[in-house]
Amino acid sequence: MTLLEEGFLKHKGGEYHHIYALNKMAKQGKVVFKRIEGTRYDLGHAGGYLKAL
């Protein structure tokens, strides 16, 4: 079973966020990131989508 599947099975409804899998991978030293500058828009929200246009 993948970490995403494991996290989804523990999920209790609503929007699923994959933070469970990311946290487990981070503890195993398997997560890398690059901080970037810019503006973040929430495209899952109507107001954020309109701002992005």
PDB file of N, CA and C in Angstrom:
ATOM      1  N   MET A   1       0.858  -1.172   0.000  1.00  0.00           N
ATOM      2  CA  MET A   1       0.000   0.000   0.000  1.00  0.00           C
ATOM      3  C   MET A   1       0.906   1.238   0.000  1.00  0.00           C
ATOM      4  N   THR A   2       0.579   2.213  -0.831  1.00  0.00           N
ATOM      5  CA  THR A   2       1.373   3.439  -0.885  1.00  0.00           C
ATOM      6  C   THR A   2       1.031   4.348   0.293  1.00  0.00           C
ATOM      7  N   LEU A   3       1.887   5.321   0.551  1.00  0.00           N
ATOM      8  CA  LEU A   3       1.619   6.274   1.629  1.00  0.00           C
ATOM      9  C   LEU A   3       0.371   7.095   1.344  1.00  0.00           C
ATOM     10  N   LEU A   4       0.122   7.397   0.066  1.00  0.00           N
ATOM     11  CA  LEU A   4      -1.097   8.142  -0.276  1.00  0.00           C
ATOM     12  C   LEU A   4      -2.342   7.320   0.028  1.00  0.00           C
ATOM     13  N   GLU A   5      -2.299   6.035  -0.314  1.00  0.00           N
ATOM     14  CA  GLU A   5      -3.440   5.159  -0.014  1.00  0.00           C
ATOM     15  C   GLU A   5      -3.642   5.026   1.492  1.00  0.00           C
ATOM     16  N   GLU A   6      -2.546   4.868   2.217  1.00  0.00           N
ATOM     17  CA  GLU A   6      -2.619   4.736   3.671  1.00  0.00           C
ATOM     18  C   GLU A   6      -3.237   5.992   4.294  1.00  0.00           C
ATOM     19  N   GLY A   7      -2.803   7.163   3.836  1.00  0.00           N
ATOM     20  CA  GLY A   7      -3.352   8.414   4.345  1.00  0.00           C
ATOM     21  C   GLY A   7      -4.813   8.580   3.991  1.00  0.00           C
ATOM     22  N   PHE A   8      -5.184   8.178   2.776  1.00  0.00           N
ATOM     23  CA  PHE A   8      -6.573   8.316   2.345  1.00  0.00           C
ATOM     24  C   PHE A   8      -7.502   7.430   3.171  1.00  0.00           C
ATOM     25  N   LEU A   9      -7.038   6.235   3.524  1.00  0.00           N
ATOM     26  CA  LEU A   9      -7.855   5.339   4.345  1.00  0.00           C
ATOM     27  C   LEU A   9      -8.096   5.913   5.743  1.00  0.00           C
ATOM     28  N   LYS A  10      -7.155   6.733   6.236  1.00  0.00           N
ATOM     29  CA  LYS A  10      -7.315   7.364   7.554  1.00  0.00           C
ATOM     30  C   LYS A  10      -8.104   8.663   7.459  1.00  0.00           C
ATOM     31  N   HIS A  11      -8.373   9.114   6.244  1.00  0.00           N
ATOM     32  CA  HIS A  11      -9.064  10.381   5.990  1.00  0.00           C
ATOM     33  C   HIS A  11     -10.518  10.307   6.451  1.00  0.00           C
ATOM     34  N   LYS A  12     -11.013  11.402   7.013  1.00  0.00           N
ATOM     35  CA  LYS A  12     -12.364  11.397   7.575  1.00  0.00           C
ATOM     36  C   LYS A  12     -13.355  12.241   6.775  1.00  0.00           C
ATOM     37  N   GLY A  13     -13.148  12.412   5.498  1.00  0.00           N
ATOM     38  CA  GLY A  13     -14.092  13.166   4.674  1.00  0.00           C
ATOM     39  C   GLY A  13     -13.605  14.565   4.360  1.00  0.00           C
ATOM     40  N   GLY A  14     -14.293  15.221   3.441  1.00  0.00           N
ATOM     41  CA  GLY A  14     -13.885  16.553   3.009  1.00  0.00           C
ATOM     42  C   GLY A  14     -12.745  16.468   2.008  1.00  0.00           C
ATOM     43  N   GLU A  15     -12.097  17.577   1.782  1.00  0.00           N
ATOM     44  CA  GLU A  15     -11.000  17.624   0.814  1.00  0.00           C
ATOM     45  C   GLU A  15      -9.801  16.854   1.363  1.00  0.00           C
ATOM     46  N   TYR A  16      -9.231  15.988   0.538  1.00  0.00           N
ATOM     47  CA  TYR A  16      -8.085  15.191   0.972  1.00  0.00           C
ATOM     48  C   TYR A  16      -6.800  15.960   0.711  1.00  0.00           C
ATOM     49  N   HIS A  17      -5.977  16.068   1.733  1.00  0.00           N
ATOM     50  CA  HIS A  17      -4.651  16.677   1.599  1.00  0.00           C
ATOM     51  C   HIS A  17      -3.616  15.584   1.836  1.00  0.00           C
ATOM     52  N   HIS A  18      -2.582  15.577   1.063  1.00  0.00           N
ATOM     53  CA  HIS A  18      -1.588  14.507   1.136  1.00  0.00           C
ATOM     54  C   HIS A  18      -0.502  14.771   2.186  1.00  0.00           C
ATOM     55  N   ILE A  19      -0.799  15.578   3.203  1.00  0.00           N
ATOM     56  CA  ILE A  19       0.183  15.919   4.235  1.00  0.00           C
ATOM     57  C   ILE A  19       0.635  14.689   5.027  1.00  0.00           C
ATOM     58  N   TYR A  20      -0.236  13.708   5.193  1.00  0.00           N
ATOM     59  CA  TYR A  20       0.141  12.477   5.900  1.00  0.00           C
ATOM     60  C   TYR A  20       1.336  11.829   5.202  1.00  0.00           C
ATOM     61  N   ALA A  21       1.235  11.660   3.894  1.00  0.00           N
ATOM     62  CA  ALA A  21       2.317  11.028   3.135  1.00  0.00           C
ATOM     63  C   ALA A  21       3.569  11.897   3.151  1.00  0.00           C
ATOM     64  N   LEU A  22       3.410  13.208   3.007  1.00  0.00           N
ATOM     65  CA  LEU A  22       4.570  14.103   3.023  1.00  0.00           C
ATOM     66  C   LEU A  22       5.293  14.060   4.363  1.00  0.00           C
ATOM     67  N   ASN A  23       4.547  14.063   5.457  1.00  0.00           N
ATOM     68  CA  ASN A  23       5.172  14.007   6.783  1.00  0.00           C
ATOM     69  C   ASN A  23       5.947  12.708   6.986  1.00  0.00           C
ATOM     70  N   LYS A  24       5.374  11.589   6.560  1.00  0.00           N
ATOM     71  CA  LYS A  24       6.073  10.300   6.703  1.00  0.00           C
ATOM     72  C   LYS A  24       7.341  10.283   5.846  1.00  0.00           C
ATOM     73  N   MET A  25       7.242  10.806   4.618  1.00  0.00           N
ATOM     74  CA  MET A  25       8.413  10.848   3.742  1.00  0.00           C
ATOM     75  C   MET A  25       9.487  11.777   4.304  1.00  0.00           C
ATOM     76  N   ALA A  26       9.086  12.904   4.894  1.00  0.00           N
ATOM     77  CA  ALA A  26      10.046  13.836   5.487  1.00  0.00           C
ATOM     78  C   ALA A  26      10.806  13.171   6.633  1.00  0.00           C
ATOM     79  N   LYS A  27      10.105  12.397   7.453  1.00  0.00           N
ATOM     80  CA  LYS A  27      10.761  11.692   8.562  1.00  0.00           C
ATOM     81  C   LYS A  27      11.771  10.669   8.053  1.00  0.00           C
ATOM     82  N   GLN A  28      11.557  10.177   6.832  1.00  0.00           N
ATOM     83  CA  GLN A  28      12.465   9.202   6.224  1.00  0.00           C
ATOM     84  C   GLN A  28      13.573   9.891   5.423  1.00  0.00           C
ATOM     85  N   GLY A  29      13.573  11.233   5.398  1.00  0.00           N
ATOM     86  CA  GLY A  29      14.586  11.983   4.656  1.00  0.00           C
ATOM     87  C   GLY A  29      14.385  11.945   3.152  1.00  0.00           C
ATOM     88  N   LYS A  30      13.145  11.745   2.706  1.00  0.00           N
ATOM     89  CA  LYS A  30      12.865  11.595   1.279  1.00  0.00           C
ATOM     90  C   LYS A  30      12.193  12.814   0.653  1.00  0.00           C
ATOM     91  N   VAL A  31      12.193  13.950   1.357  1.00  0.00           N
ATOM     92  CA  VAL A  31      11.536  15.143   0.826  1.00  0.00           C
ATOM     93  C   VAL A  31      12.582  16.225   0.605  1.00  0.00           C
ATOM     94  N   VAL A  32      12.571  16.808  -0.569  1.00  0.00           N
ATOM     95  CA  VAL A  32      13.414  17.967  -0.873  1.00  0.00           C
ATOM     96  C   VAL A  32      12.499  19.090  -1.332  1.00  0.00           C
ATOM     97  N   PHE A  33      12.954  20.319  -1.196  1.00  0.00           N
ATOM     98  CA  PHE A  33      12.132  21.434  -1.640  1.00  0.00           C
ATOM     99  C   PHE A  33      13.019  22.565  -2.109  1.00  0.00           C
ATOM    100  N   LYS A  34      12.434  23.471  -2.833  1.00  0.00           N
ATOM    101  CA  LYS A  34      13.108  24.684  -3.301  1.00  0.00           C
ATOM    102  C   LYS A  34      12.180  25.837  -3.002  1.00  0.00           C
ATOM    103  N   ARG A  35      12.635  26.768  -2.182  1.00  0.00           N
ATOM    104  CA  ARG A  35      11.835  27.942  -1.859  1.00  0.00           C
ATOM    105  C   ARG A  35      11.904  28.900  -3.053  1.00  0.00           C
ATOM    106  N   ILE A  36      10.753  29.353  -3.504  1.00  0.00           N
ATOM    107  CA  ILE A  36      10.701  30.280  -4.627  1.00  0.00           C
ATOM    108  C   ILE A  36       9.897  31.512  -4.224  1.00  0.00           C
ATOM    109  N   GLU A  37      10.190  32.611  -4.880  1.00  0.00           N
ATOM    110  CA  GLU A  37       9.439  33.835  -4.634  1.00  0.00           C
ATOM    111  C   GLU A  37       8.334  33.939  -5.671  1.00  0.00           C
ATOM    112  N   GLY A  38       7.242  34.543  -5.291  1.00  0.00           N
ATOM    113  CA  GLY A  38       6.136  34.720  -6.213  1.00  0.00           C
ATOM    114  C   GLY A  38       4.836  34.874  -5.456  1.00  0.00           C
ATOM    115  N   THR A  39       3.778  34.913  -6.199  1.00  0.00           N
ATOM    116  CA  THR A  39       2.451  35.047  -5.624  1.00  0.00           C
ATOM    117  C   THR A  39       1.734  33.714  -5.735  1.00  0.00           C
ATOM    118  N   ARG A  40       1.108  33.303  -4.648  1.00  0.00           N
ATOM    119  CA  ARG A  40       0.361  32.045  -4.632  1.00  0.00           C
ATOM    120  C   ARG A  40      -1.121  32.355  -4.758  1.00  0.00           C
ATOM    121  N   TYR A  41      -1.790  31.656  -5.659  1.00  0.00           N
ATOM    122  CA  TYR A  41      -3.227  31.815  -5.846  1.00  0.00           C
ATOM    123  C   TYR A  41      -3.915  30.493  -5.548  1.00  0.00           C
ATOM    124  N   ASP A  42      -5.006  30.551  -4.810  1.00  0.00           N
ATOM    125  CA  ASP A  42      -5.797  29.362  -4.500  1.00  0.00           C
ATOM    126  C   ASP A  42      -6.804  29.159  -5.629  1.00  0.00           C
ATOM    127  N   LEU A  43      -6.461  28.310  -6.587  1.00  0.00           N
ATOM    128  CA  LEU A  43      -7.328  28.101  -7.746  1.00  0.00           C
ATOM    129  C   LEU A  43      -8.537  27.240  -7.417  1.00  0.00           C
ATOM    130  N   GLY A  44      -8.580  26.675  -6.229  1.00  0.00           N
ATOM    131  CA  GLY A  44      -9.747  25.916  -5.807  1.00  0.00           C
ATOM    132  C   GLY A  44     -10.819  26.803  -5.196  1.00  0.00           C
ATOM    133  N   HIS A  45     -10.554  28.080  -5.163  1.00  0.00           N
ATOM    134  CA  HIS A  45     -11.487  29.059  -4.595  1.00  0.00           C
ATOM    135  C   HIS A  45     -11.793  30.077  -5.691  1.00  0.00           C
ATOM    136  N   ALA A  46     -13.061  30.416  -5.882  1.00  0.00           N
ATOM    137  CA  ALA A  46     -13.463  31.304  -6.987  1.00  0.00           C
ATOM    138  C   ALA A  46     -12.707  32.627  -6.967  1.00  0.00           C
ATOM    139  N   GLY A  47     -12.542  33.238  -5.800  1.00  0.00           N
ATOM    140  CA  GLY A  47     -11.829  34.511  -5.710  1.00  0.00           C
ATOM    141  C   GLY A  47     -10.374  34.390  -6.122  1.00  0.00           C
ATOM    142  N   GLY A  48      -9.727  33.318  -5.713  1.00  0.00           N
ATOM    143  CA  GLY A  48      -8.334  33.085  -6.086  1.00  0.00           C
ATOM    144  C   GLY A  48      -8.186  32.848  -7.574  1.00  0.00           C
ATOM    145  N   TYR A  49      -9.119  32.129  -8.147  1.00  0.00           N
ATOM    146  CA  TYR A  49      -9.089  31.875  -9.588  1.00  0.00           C
ATOM    147  C   TYR A  49      -9.224  33.179 -10.360  1.00  0.00           C
ATOM    148  N   LEU A  50     -10.151  34.034  -9.944  1.00  0.00           N
ATOM    149  CA  LEU A  50     -10.350  35.309 -10.636  1.00  0.00           C
ATOM    150  C   LEU A  50      -9.128  36.208 -10.510  1.00  0.00           C
ATOM    151  N   LYS A  51      -8.461  36.207  -9.367  1.00  0.00           N
ATOM    152  CA  LYS A  51      -7.236  36.993  -9.197  1.00  0.00           C
ATOM    153  C   LYS A  51      -6.138  36.488 -10.126  1.00  0.00           C
ATOM    154  N   ALA A  52      -6.079  35.184 -10.328  1.00  0.00           N
ATOM    155  CA  ALA A  52      -5.040  34.596 -11.170  1.00  0.00           C
ATOM    156  C   ALA A  52      -5.225  34.938 -12.637  1.00  0.00           C
ATOM    157  N   LEU A  53      -6.463  35.212 -13.034  1.00  0.00           N
ATOM    158  CA  LEU A  53      -6.713  35.562 -14.428  1.00  0.00           C
ATOM    159  C   LEU A  53      -6.124  36.904 -14.692  1.00  0.00           C
TER     160      LEU A  53
END
